[in-house]
Amino acid sequence: MTALREIAEDYLRMRRALGYKLKISGWHLEKFVSYLELTEATTVTIENAVAWATSAGTNRAYCAQRLSVVRQFARHLQTIDPACEVPPSQLLPYRAPRAIPYLYTPEEIRALMRAAGDLEPPLLAANYQTLIGLMAVTGIRLGEAIRLDRDDVDVRHGLLRILDSKFGKSREVVLHDSTMHALSEYGRLRDRRFPQPRCEAFLVSLRGTRLRRNCIHHMFARLTRTAGLEPRSAKCHPRPHDLRHAFAVRTLLEWYRDGVDVQSRLPLLSTYMGHVNPASTFWYLTAAPELLQLVADRLDPTIERLT
C-alpha cells in the first residue's frame, strides 16, 4: 500500500467518525488515488487533480463534483505534505440548480391520500397512504421512512426513532395520537399479510421486503397524475421530498401567524427535522412568498423604530 493510499484511508476513517457517510466521495477518492498510483505521482497537484476530474467526460457537474472531492482531500494532505497543491474552488465552476420546492396544500395532500387509497391490493394502498401521511405530518426524509424498522416505532411512548440518518445523526420524532393510530392500523394489516416477517422493515412491499426508493418515485409520479397535481413550472414538480419542504414551511407559517419568537424556536425545528444546524432550516424561509411577506411584516415595526 502506498503512502498516499494510507493517508487517504486515514482521512476517510476520520471523517466517517465525525458522522459523514462519504459513500460517493469515498468511491471517488479511491479512484483518484488509483490514478495517482498509476501515473506514479507522489502528491496532489492542480494539474493531476484537474486531469483526473475532467477525464470522466464533458458533464460539468460531474467533473466539478470529482474535483471537489480531491480539493477536500488536498486540504487535509497539505497539513502533512507541504508540496501538495489545493485546487482553487472556482477552477471548474459549476453550481447545480436547486429544485424549486413543490409546496403541497392540505387539499393536495388529501388528494394524494385518496389516490393512494384506490390502489389494489389493500396492502399497496396502505403502504402509500401511510408513507405519504407520515412524511406530511412529520417532515421525515424518504430514506428515513424506508429505513424504519418495526422496533423504531415506539407505540408506548408515541414516537419514531430515526437512527444513523444523514450525517450520522439520530433523533426521536414525537407523533400525534392520530398518527400513531394510523401506524398501528398499518402494522396490523401488514402482520395479517405477513405473519412471519421476511425482514424487520416497518413499511414492506407486496413481497414482504423493504420498500425501494426507485419504486416509490415511480408510484408517486402515478399518484400525482391521478390526484391531478400539475408541475407549477419547468423546475417545480411534485416530489416525495417536497412533503418535507411543505411540513417545514407550514410549521414556520403557523409560528409567524401565532406571533411566536421564530428565531428562538428554529433550533427546535432544526433538531426535529434532523438538520445539522438551524441555517439549513432557515433556508425554508425563502421557499414561500407568503413566508417572506410575514417576515417582512414582522420587520417593518423594527425598521420604523430604528429610523
Protein backbone atom coordinates (compact mmCIF):
# COMPACT_ATOMS: atom_id res chain seq x y z
CA MET A 1 0.00 0.00 0.00
CA THR A 2 1.38 3.41 -0.97
CA ALA A 3 1.74 6.28 1.48
CA LEU A 4 -0.94 8.26 -0.37
CA ARG A 5 -3.43 5.41 -0.07
CA GLU A 6 -2.73 5.05 3.65
CA ILE A 7 -3.27 8.77 4.16
CA ALA A 8 -6.48 8.69 2.10
CA GLU A 9 -7.86 5.77 4.14
CA ASP A 10 -6.99 7.51 7.42
CA TYR A 11 -8.69 10.67 6.12
CA LEU A 12 -11.87 8.77 5.26
CA ARG A 13 -11.93 6.98 8.62
CA MET A 14 -11.54 10.29 10.44
CA ARG A 15 -14.39 12.00 8.54
CA ARG A 16 -16.68 8.99 8.89
CA ALA A 17 -16.03 9.01 12.62
CA LEU A 18 -17.36 12.58 12.58
CA GLY A 19 -20.61 11.34 11.07
CA TYR A 20 -20.05 11.76 7.32
CA LYS A 21 -21.06 8.67 5.33
CA LEU A 22 -18.92 9.55 2.25
CA LYS A 23 -20.26 6.71 0.11
CA ILE A 24 -19.86 8.52 -3.21
CA SER A 25 -16.97 10.72 -2.09
CA GLY A 26 -15.08 7.74 -0.74
CA TRP A 27 -15.51 5.92 -4.03
CA HIS A 28 -14.25 8.97 -5.97
CA LEU A 29 -11.24 9.38 -3.69
CA GLU A 30 -10.29 5.72 -4.08
CA LYS A 31 -10.41 6.14 -7.87
CA PHE A 32 -8.28 9.30 -7.68
CA VAL A 33 -5.64 7.62 -5.53
CA SER A 34 -5.52 4.72 -8.02
CA TYR A 35 -4.98 7.29 -10.77
CA LEU A 36 -2.11 8.88 -8.85
CA GLU A 37 -0.52 5.47 -8.32
CA LEU A 38 -0.91 4.62 -12.00
CA THR A 39 0.79 7.89 -13.02
CA GLU A 40 3.44 7.44 -10.27
CA ALA A 41 2.51 10.78 -8.71
CA THR A 42 3.71 11.26 -5.14
CA THR A 43 1.33 14.08 -4.15
CA VAL A 44 -1.67 16.06 -5.34
CA THR A 45 -1.07 18.86 -7.82
CA ILE A 46 -3.54 21.13 -9.54
CA GLU A 47 -2.53 19.58 -12.86
CA ASN A 48 -3.16 15.95 -11.91
CA ALA A 49 -6.33 16.84 -9.98
CA VAL A 50 -7.88 18.59 -12.98
CA ALA A 51 -6.67 15.90 -15.36
CA TRP A 52 -8.40 13.19 -13.32
CA ALA A 53 -11.56 15.21 -12.66
CA THR A 54 -12.09 16.03 -16.35
CA SER A 55 -11.24 12.53 -17.59
CA ALA A 56 -14.80 11.46 -16.75
CA GLY A 57 -16.27 13.23 -19.79
CA THR A 58 -17.96 16.53 -20.58
CA ASN A 59 -20.59 16.60 -17.82
CA ARG A 60 -19.62 19.80 -16.00
CA ALA A 61 -21.49 18.97 -12.81
CA TYR A 62 -19.86 15.54 -12.52
CA CYS A 63 -16.36 16.87 -13.20
CA ALA A 64 -16.85 19.65 -10.64
CA GLN A 65 -18.05 17.08 -8.10
CA ARG A 66 -14.95 14.94 -8.64
CA LEU A 67 -12.64 17.95 -8.28
CA SER A 68 -14.45 18.96 -5.08
CA VAL A 69 -13.65 15.56 -3.56
CA VAL A 70 -9.99 15.99 -4.46
CA ARG A 71 -9.96 19.54 -3.06
CA GLN A 72 -11.25 18.39 0.32
CA PHE A 73 -8.64 15.66 0.50
CA ALA A 74 -5.87 18.01 -0.68
CA ARG A 75 -6.60 20.40 2.20
CA HIS A 76 -6.00 17.54 4.59
CA LEU A 77 -2.95 16.25 2.75
CA GLN A 78 -1.33 19.71 2.69
CA THR A 79 -1.09 19.66 6.50
CA ILE A 80 1.14 16.60 6.13
CA ASP A 81 2.84 17.30 2.80
CA PRO A 82 3.67 20.98 2.08
CA ALA A 83 4.28 20.07 -1.58
CA CYS A 84 0.58 19.26 -2.02
CA GLU A 85 -1.38 21.79 -4.08
CA VAL A 86 -5.02 22.57 -3.30
CA PRO A 87 -7.08 23.25 -6.46
CA PRO A 88 -8.90 26.63 -6.31
CA SER A 89 -12.62 26.38 -5.62
CA GLN A 90 -13.61 28.07 -8.89
CA LEU A 91 -11.29 26.11 -11.13
CA LEU A 92 -14.18 24.09 -12.59
CA PRO A 93 -17.09 26.40 -11.74
CA TYR A 94 -20.49 24.80 -11.63
CA ARG A 95 -23.47 25.46 -9.45
CA ALA A 96 -26.20 22.89 -9.65
CA PRO A 97 -29.65 24.47 -9.99
CA ARG A 98 -31.65 23.90 -6.83
CA ALA A 99 -35.07 22.41 -7.38
CA ILE A 100 -37.95 24.71 -6.51
CA PRO A 101 -39.97 23.01 -3.76
CA TYR A 102 -43.49 21.98 -4.63
CA LEU A 103 -45.29 23.16 -1.52
CA TYR A 104 -48.32 20.92 -1.20
CA THR A 105 -51.53 22.46 0.09
CA PRO A 106 -53.58 20.43 2.61
CA GLU A 107 -56.09 19.78 -0.18
CA GLU A 108 -53.37 18.37 -2.45
CA ILE A 109 -52.10 16.06 0.29
CA ARG A 110 -55.64 14.79 0.84
CA ALA A 111 -55.96 14.23 -2.93
CA LEU A 112 -52.75 12.18 -2.88
CA MET A 113 -54.05 10.14 0.05
CA ARG A 114 -57.32 9.45 -1.80
CA ALA A 115 -55.43 8.40 -4.92
CA ALA A 116 -53.28 6.06 -2.82
CA GLY A 117 -56.39 4.62 -1.19
CA ASP A 118 -57.70 3.47 -4.58
CA LEU A 119 -54.67 1.25 -5.21
CA GLU A 120 -55.01 -2.52 -5.18
CA PRO A 121 -54.37 -4.75 -3.31
CA PRO A 122 -55.16 -3.20 0.11
CA LEU A 123 -51.56 -3.50 1.37
CA LEU A 124 -50.32 -1.43 -1.57
CA ALA A 125 -52.90 1.25 -0.80
CA ALA A 126 -51.95 1.18 2.90
CA ASN A 127 -48.25 1.42 2.03
CA TYR A 128 -48.61 4.70 0.16
CA GLN A 129 -51.26 6.23 2.38
CA THR A 130 -49.03 5.53 5.38
CA LEU A 131 -45.86 6.74 3.69
CA ILE A 132 -47.39 9.97 2.35
CA GLY A 133 -49.24 10.71 5.58
CA LEU A 134 -46.19 10.05 7.75
CA MET A 135 -43.91 12.27 5.68
CA ALA A 136 -46.52 15.03 5.53
CA VAL A 137 -47.08 15.26 9.29
CA THR A 138 -43.50 14.67 10.48
CA GLY A 139 -41.27 16.03 7.70
CA ILE A 140 -39.00 12.97 7.84
CA ARG A 141 -36.92 12.18 4.78
CA LEU A 142 -37.99 9.48 2.32
CA GLY A 143 -34.88 7.44 3.12
CA GLU A 144 -35.65 7.67 6.83
CA ALA A 145 -39.16 6.33 6.26
CA ILE A 146 -37.81 3.45 4.16
CA ARG A 147 -35.21 2.52 6.79
CA LEU A 148 -37.69 2.43 9.67
CA ASP A 149 -37.71 -0.94 11.41
CA ARG A 150 -40.60 -2.23 13.49
CA ASP A 151 -38.75 -1.52 16.73
CA ASP A 152 -38.23 2.10 15.62
CA VAL A 153 -41.97 2.76 16.00
CA ASP A 154 -42.49 3.14 19.75
CA VAL A 155 -46.24 2.78 20.31
CA ARG A 156 -45.95 3.09 24.09
CA HIS A 157 -44.24 6.48 24.02
CA GLY A 158 -45.72 7.70 20.73
CA LEU A 159 -42.52 8.39 18.82
CA LEU A 160 -40.27 7.31 15.97
CA ARG A 161 -36.59 6.55 16.38
CA ILE A 162 -34.62 7.78 13.37
CA LEU A 163 -31.25 6.05 13.66
CA ASP A 164 -27.98 6.87 11.90
CA SER A 165 -29.55 9.17 9.33
CA LYS A 166 -27.92 11.94 7.27
CA PHE A 167 -24.52 12.99 8.67
CA GLY A 168 -24.79 10.04 11.09
CA LYS A 169 -27.37 11.86 13.24
CA SER A 170 -30.07 10.04 15.19
CA ARG A 171 -33.16 11.58 16.74
CA GLU A 172 -36.60 10.86 18.17
CA VAL A 173 -39.69 12.24 16.46
CA VAL A 174 -42.75 12.71 18.66
CA LEU A 175 -46.04 11.71 17.00
CA HIS A 176 -49.61 12.87 17.44
CA ASP A 177 -52.04 10.23 18.71
CA SER A 178 -53.84 10.17 15.35
CA THR A 179 -50.57 9.45 13.56
CA MET A 180 -49.69 6.67 15.96
CA HIS A 181 -53.17 5.18 15.49
CA ALA A 182 -52.68 5.18 11.70
CA LEU A 183 -49.28 3.49 12.06
CA SER A 184 -50.76 0.85 14.37
CA GLU A 185 -53.56 0.14 11.88
CA TYR A 186 -51.00 -0.27 9.12
CA GLY A 187 -48.95 -2.61 11.30
CA ARG A 188 -51.95 -4.85 11.91
CA LEU A 189 -52.72 -5.05 8.17
CA ARG A 190 -49.08 -5.80 7.37
CA ASP A 191 -48.88 -8.52 10.02
CA ARG A 192 -52.03 -10.22 8.76
CA ARG A 193 -50.49 -10.30 5.28
CA PHE A 194 -47.08 -11.44 6.57
CA PRO A 195 -47.49 -13.26 9.89
CA GLN A 196 -43.89 -14.44 9.55
CA PRO A 197 -41.89 -11.31 8.56
CA ARG A 198 -39.24 -11.62 5.88
CA CYS A 199 -37.43 -8.54 7.18
CA GLU A 200 -37.52 -6.05 10.07
CA ALA A 201 -38.80 -3.16 7.94
CA PHE A 202 -41.86 -1.30 9.21
CA LEU A 203 -43.09 -0.48 5.69
CA VAL A 204 -42.97 -3.53 3.42
CA SER A 205 -43.59 -4.27 -0.24
CA LEU A 206 -46.14 -6.76 -1.54
CA ARG A 207 -43.37 -9.36 -1.29
CA GLY A 208 -42.71 -8.56 2.35
CA THR A 209 -39.38 -6.83 1.65
CA ARG A 210 -38.25 -3.30 2.43
CA LEU A 211 -39.59 -0.65 0.07
CA ARG A 212 -37.28 0.55 -2.71
CA ARG A 213 -36.71 4.19 -3.47
CA ASN A 214 -36.99 3.87 -7.26
CA CYS A 215 -40.33 2.03 -6.97
CA ILE A 216 -41.64 4.74 -4.64
CA HIS A 217 -40.70 7.51 -7.08
CA HIS A 218 -42.39 5.65 -9.93
CA MET A 219 -45.61 5.12 -7.95
CA PHE A 220 -45.55 8.66 -6.58
CA ALA A 221 -45.49 10.07 -10.11
CA ARG A 222 -48.53 7.92 -10.91
CA LEU A 223 -50.36 9.13 -7.81
CA THR A 224 -49.68 12.80 -8.56
CA ARG A 225 -51.21 12.35 -12.02
CA THR A 226 -54.24 10.57 -10.57
CA ALA A 227 -54.65 13.33 -7.97
CA GLY A 228 -54.48 15.99 -10.70
CA LEU A 229 -51.28 17.63 -9.44
CA GLU A 230 -49.51 19.51 -12.22
CA PRO A 231 -45.97 20.98 -12.31
CA ARG A 232 -46.03 24.63 -11.32
CA SER A 233 -43.07 25.43 -13.57
CA ALA A 234 -40.32 23.67 -15.50
CA LYS A 235 -38.31 23.42 -12.26
CA CYS A 236 -41.15 22.78 -9.82
CA HIS A 237 -42.53 19.24 -10.00
CA PRO A 238 -44.25 17.36 -7.16
CA ARG A 239 -41.74 15.02 -5.50
CA PRO A 240 -41.88 12.90 -2.33
CA HIS A 241 -39.16 15.05 -0.74
CA ASP A 242 -41.36 18.12 -1.12
CA LEU A 243 -43.63 16.73 1.59
CA ARG A 244 -40.72 17.56 3.92
CA HIS A 245 -40.46 21.08 2.49
CA ALA A 246 -44.20 21.58 2.91
CA PHE A 247 -44.04 20.45 6.55
CA ALA A 248 -41.26 22.92 7.36
CA VAL A 249 -42.93 25.85 5.62
CA ARG A 250 -46.31 25.07 7.19
CA THR A 251 -44.72 24.97 10.65
CA LEU A 252 -42.96 28.29 10.14
CA LEU A 253 -46.13 29.89 8.78
CA GLU A 254 -48.08 28.81 11.86
CA TRP A 255 -45.40 30.20 14.15
CA TYR A 256 -45.33 33.57 12.40
CA ARG A 257 -49.13 33.79 12.38
CA ASP A 258 -49.23 32.96 16.08
CA GLY A 259 -46.70 35.72 16.80
CA VAL A 260 -44.16 33.45 18.49
CA ASP A 261 -40.41 34.11 18.54
CA VAL A 262 -39.43 32.12 15.44
CA GLN A 263 -35.70 32.66 15.91
CA SER A 264 -35.75 31.02 19.33
CA ARG A 265 -37.82 28.09 18.08
CA LEU A 266 -35.85 27.49 14.90
CA PRO A 267 -33.27 25.23 16.64
CA LEU A 268 -36.18 23.07 17.87
CA LEU A 269 -37.48 22.61 14.32
CA SER A 270 -33.93 22.01 13.11
CA THR A 271 -33.46 19.22 15.66
CA TYR A 272 -36.88 17.72 14.91
CA MET A 273 -36.09 17.55 11.19
CA GLY A 274 -32.56 16.25 11.67
CA HIS A 275 -30.73 19.23 10.19
CA VAL A 276 -27.07 19.77 11.04
CA ASN A 277 -27.75 23.34 12.17
CA PRO A 278 -30.57 25.94 12.07
CA ALA A 279 -29.05 27.55 8.96
CA SER A 280 -30.29 24.58 6.93
CA THR A 281 -33.79 25.09 8.32
CA PHE A 282 -33.65 28.86 7.77
CA TRP A 283 -33.46 28.21 4.00
CA TYR A 284 -37.17 27.34 4.08
CA LEU A 285 -37.95 31.00 4.75
CA THR A 286 -37.17 31.70 1.09
CA ALA A 287 -39.31 28.84 -0.18
CA ALA A 288 -42.73 30.52 0.01
CA PRO A 289 -43.74 34.11 -0.86
CA GLU A 290 -46.28 34.03 1.98
CA LEU A 291 -43.47 33.33 4.46
CA LEU A 292 -41.38 36.18 3.09
CA GLN A 293 -44.34 38.54 3.45
CA LEU A 294 -44.83 37.53 7.09
CA VAL A 295 -41.12 38.07 7.76
CA ALA A 296 -41.31 41.50 6.10
CA ASP A 297 -44.37 42.42 8.14
CA ARG A 298 -42.56 41.39 11.30
CA LEU A 299 -39.54 43.51 10.35
CA ASP A 300 -41.49 46.68 9.46
CA PRO A 301 -42.07 47.86 13.09
CA THR A 302 -38.42 47.18 13.91
CA ILE A 303 -37.23 49.23 10.95
CA GLU A 304 -39.58 52.09 11.89
CA ARG A 305 -38.15 52.19 15.42
CA LEU A 306 -34.61 52.37 14.05
CA THR A 307 -35.32 55.19 11.57
